[in-house]
């Protein structure tokens, strides 16, 4: 049952973690790219699949648009982990 809740992106005591900042060199960045770049998906294909299944939250709401453009400060949650878009130092 824990895997089911992680797939839905629901935070529980067993799988919760603090949001992690992920620096990107250019914004906007597409949701599927950010999910992969941030390490929440193993591949672009997996990222697109979990997004289309409604398993990814963007700023707390389900997002199913794979190519949704993200800006600095947007938070993405999948499998109980949250990553936040930040500008990387050049």
C-alpha atoms as a PDB file:
ATOM      1  CA  UNK A   1       0.000   0.000   0.000  1.00  0.00           C
ATOM      2  CA  UNK A   2       2.942   2.379   0.574  1.00  0.00           C
ATOM      3  CA  UNK A   3       3.930   2.223  -3.113  1.00  0.00           C
ATOM      4  CA  UNK A   4       0.365   3.149  -4.124  1.00  0.00           C
ATOM      5  CA  UNK A   5       0.461   6.272  -1.959  1.00  0.00           C
ATOM      6  CA  UNK A   6       3.917   7.217  -3.234  1.00  0.00           C
ATOM      7  CA  UNK A   7       2.728   6.860  -6.832  1.00  0.00           C
ATOM      8  CA  UNK A   8      -0.127   9.248  -6.061  1.00  0.00           C
ATOM      9  CA  UNK A   9       2.390  11.711  -4.635  1.00  0.00           C
ATOM     10  CA  UNK A  10       0.685  11.707  -1.249  1.00  0.00           C
ATOM     11  CA  UNK A  11       3.021  12.566   1.590  1.00  0.00           C
ATOM     12  CA  UNK A  12       2.943  10.298   4.607  1.00  0.00           C
ATOM     13  CA  UNK A  13       5.262  10.020   7.584  1.00  0.00           C
ATOM     14  CA  UNK A  14       6.838   6.920   6.069  1.00  0.00           C
ATOM     15  CA  UNK A  15       7.782   8.508   2.743  1.00  0.00           C
ATOM     16  CA  UNK A  16       7.836  12.251   3.323  1.00  0.00           C
ATOM     17  CA  UNK A  17      10.883  14.370   2.727  1.00  0.00           C
ATOM     18  CA  UNK A  18      11.661  18.055   2.696  1.00  0.00           C
ATOM     19  CA  UNK A  19      11.422  19.801  -0.681  1.00  0.00           C
ATOM     20  CA  UNK A  20      14.722  19.780  -2.556  1.00  0.00           C
ATOM     21  CA  UNK A  21      15.860  22.693  -4.703  1.00  0.00           C
ATOM     22  CA  UNK A  22      17.000  21.737  -8.229  1.00  0.00           C
ATOM     23  CA  UNK A  23      18.930  24.358 -10.152  1.00  0.00           C
ATOM     24  CA  UNK A  24      18.333  24.724 -13.882  1.00  0.00           C
ATOM     25  CA  UNK A  25      20.388  26.850 -16.247  1.00  0.00           C
ATOM     26  CA  UNK A  26      17.439  28.109 -18.276  1.00  0.00           C
ATOM     27  CA  UNK A  27      13.769  28.643 -17.619  1.00  0.00           C
ATOM     28  CA  UNK A  28      11.155  27.868 -18.571  1.00  0.00           C
ATOM     29  CA  UNK A  29      11.763  24.122 -18.446  1.00  0.00           C
ATOM     30  CA  UNK A  30       9.192  21.490 -19.430  1.00  0.00           C
ATOM     31  CA  UNK A  31       7.643  19.407 -16.651  1.00  0.00           C
ATOM     32  CA  UNK A  32       8.748  16.069 -18.151  1.00  0.00           C
ATOM     33  CA  UNK A  33      12.337  17.332 -18.517  1.00  0.00           C
ATOM     34  CA  UNK A  34      12.404  18.667 -14.966  1.00  0.00           C
ATOM     35  CA  UNK A  35      11.049  15.420 -13.517  1.00  0.00           C
ATOM     36  CA  UNK A  36      13.880  13.509 -15.201  1.00  0.00           C
ATOM     37  CA  UNK A  37      16.553  16.150 -14.505  1.00  0.00           C
ATOM     38  CA  UNK A  38      15.523  16.315 -10.843  1.00  0.00           C
ATOM     39  CA  UNK A  39      15.932  12.550 -10.473  1.00  0.00           C
ATOM     40  CA  UNK A  40      12.286  11.689  -9.794  1.00  0.00           C
ATOM     41  CA  UNK A  41      11.995   9.719 -13.053  1.00  0.00           C
ATOM     42  CA  UNK A  42      14.575   7.334 -14.483  1.00  0.00           C
ATOM     43  CA  UNK A  43      13.857   8.301 -18.082  1.00  0.00           C
ATOM     44  CA  UNK A  44      11.936  10.774 -20.178  1.00  0.00           C
ATOM     45  CA  UNK A  45       9.501   8.029 -21.103  1.00  0.00           C
ATOM     46  CA  UNK A  46       8.802   7.230 -17.474  1.00  0.00           C
ATOM     47  CA  UNK A  47       8.347  10.939 -16.725  1.00  0.00           C
ATOM     48  CA  UNK A  48       5.803  11.324 -19.528  1.00  0.00           C
ATOM     49  CA  UNK A  49       3.965   8.195 -18.395  1.00  0.00           C
ATOM     50  CA  UNK A  50       3.570   9.187 -14.744  1.00  0.00           C
ATOM     51  CA  UNK A  51       2.515  12.708 -15.733  1.00  0.00           C
ATOM     52  CA  UNK A  52      -0.136  11.417 -18.142  1.00  0.00           C
ATOM     53  CA  UNK A  53      -1.420   9.046 -15.421  1.00  0.00           C
ATOM     54  CA  UNK A  54      -2.073  12.023 -13.115  1.00  0.00           C
ATOM     55  CA  UNK A  55       0.559  10.971 -10.574  1.00  0.00           C
ATOM     56  CA  UNK A  56       2.458  14.279 -10.564  1.00  0.00           C
ATOM     57  CA  UNK A  57       1.517  17.400  -8.638  1.00  0.00           C
ATOM     58  CA  UNK A  58       2.559  20.870  -9.770  1.00  0.00           C
ATOM     59  CA  UNK A  59       2.252  23.444  -6.989  1.00  0.00           C
ATOM     60  CA  UNK A  60      -0.103  21.088  -5.149  1.00  0.00           C
ATOM     61  CA  UNK A  61      -2.470  20.321  -8.054  1.00  0.00           C
ATOM     62  CA  UNK A  62      -2.511  17.335 -10.419  1.00  0.00           C
ATOM     63  CA  UNK A  63      -0.831  18.233 -13.722  1.00  0.00           C
ATOM     64  CA  UNK A  64      -1.222  16.036 -16.816  1.00  0.00           C
ATOM     65  CA  UNK A  65       0.408  18.311 -19.424  1.00  0.00           C
ATOM     66  CA  UNK A  66       3.816  16.764 -20.095  1.00  0.00           C
ATOM     67  CA  UNK A  67       5.200  19.880 -21.757  1.00  0.00           C
ATOM     68  CA  UNK A  68       3.858  22.349 -19.179  1.00  0.00           C
ATOM     69  CA  UNK A  69       6.418  25.125 -18.808  1.00  0.00           C
ATOM     70  CA  UNK A  70       7.814  25.588 -15.299  1.00  0.00           C
ATOM     71  CA  UNK A  71       9.263  28.758 -13.803  1.00  0.00           C
ATOM     72  CA  UNK A  72      11.543  29.426 -10.834  1.00  0.00           C
ATOM     73  CA  UNK A  73       9.683  28.647  -7.603  1.00  0.00           C
ATOM     74  CA  UNK A  74       7.373  25.967  -9.056  1.00  0.00           C
ATOM     75  CA  UNK A  75       7.245  22.775  -6.970  1.00  0.00           C
ATOM     76  CA  UNK A  76       6.804  19.300  -8.424  1.00  0.00           C
ATOM     77  CA  UNK A  77       5.797  16.303  -6.305  1.00  0.00           C
ATOM     78  CA  UNK A  78       5.940  12.651  -7.341  1.00  0.00           C
ATOM     79  CA  UNK A  79       6.251   9.479  -5.281  1.00  0.00           C
ATOM     80  CA  UNK A  80       6.343  11.421  -2.016  1.00  0.00           C
ATOM     81  CA  UNK A  81       9.285  13.585  -3.070  1.00  0.00           C
ATOM     82  CA  UNK A  82       9.102  17.291  -3.877  1.00  0.00           C
ATOM     83  CA  UNK A  83      11.565  19.240  -5.978  1.00  0.00           C
ATOM     84  CA  UNK A  84      11.507  22.996  -6.543  1.00  0.00           C
ATOM     85  CA  UNK A  85      12.729  24.831  -9.650  1.00  0.00           C
ATOM     86  CA  UNK A  86      15.586  27.216  -8.872  1.00  0.00           C
ATOM     87  CA  UNK A  87      18.004  29.168 -11.033  1.00  0.00           C
ATOM     88  CA  UNK A  88      21.463  27.626 -11.029  1.00  0.00           C
ATOM     89  CA  UNK A  89      24.479  29.859 -10.531  1.00  0.00           C
ATOM     90  CA  UNK A  90      26.366  30.335 -13.765  1.00  0.00           C
END
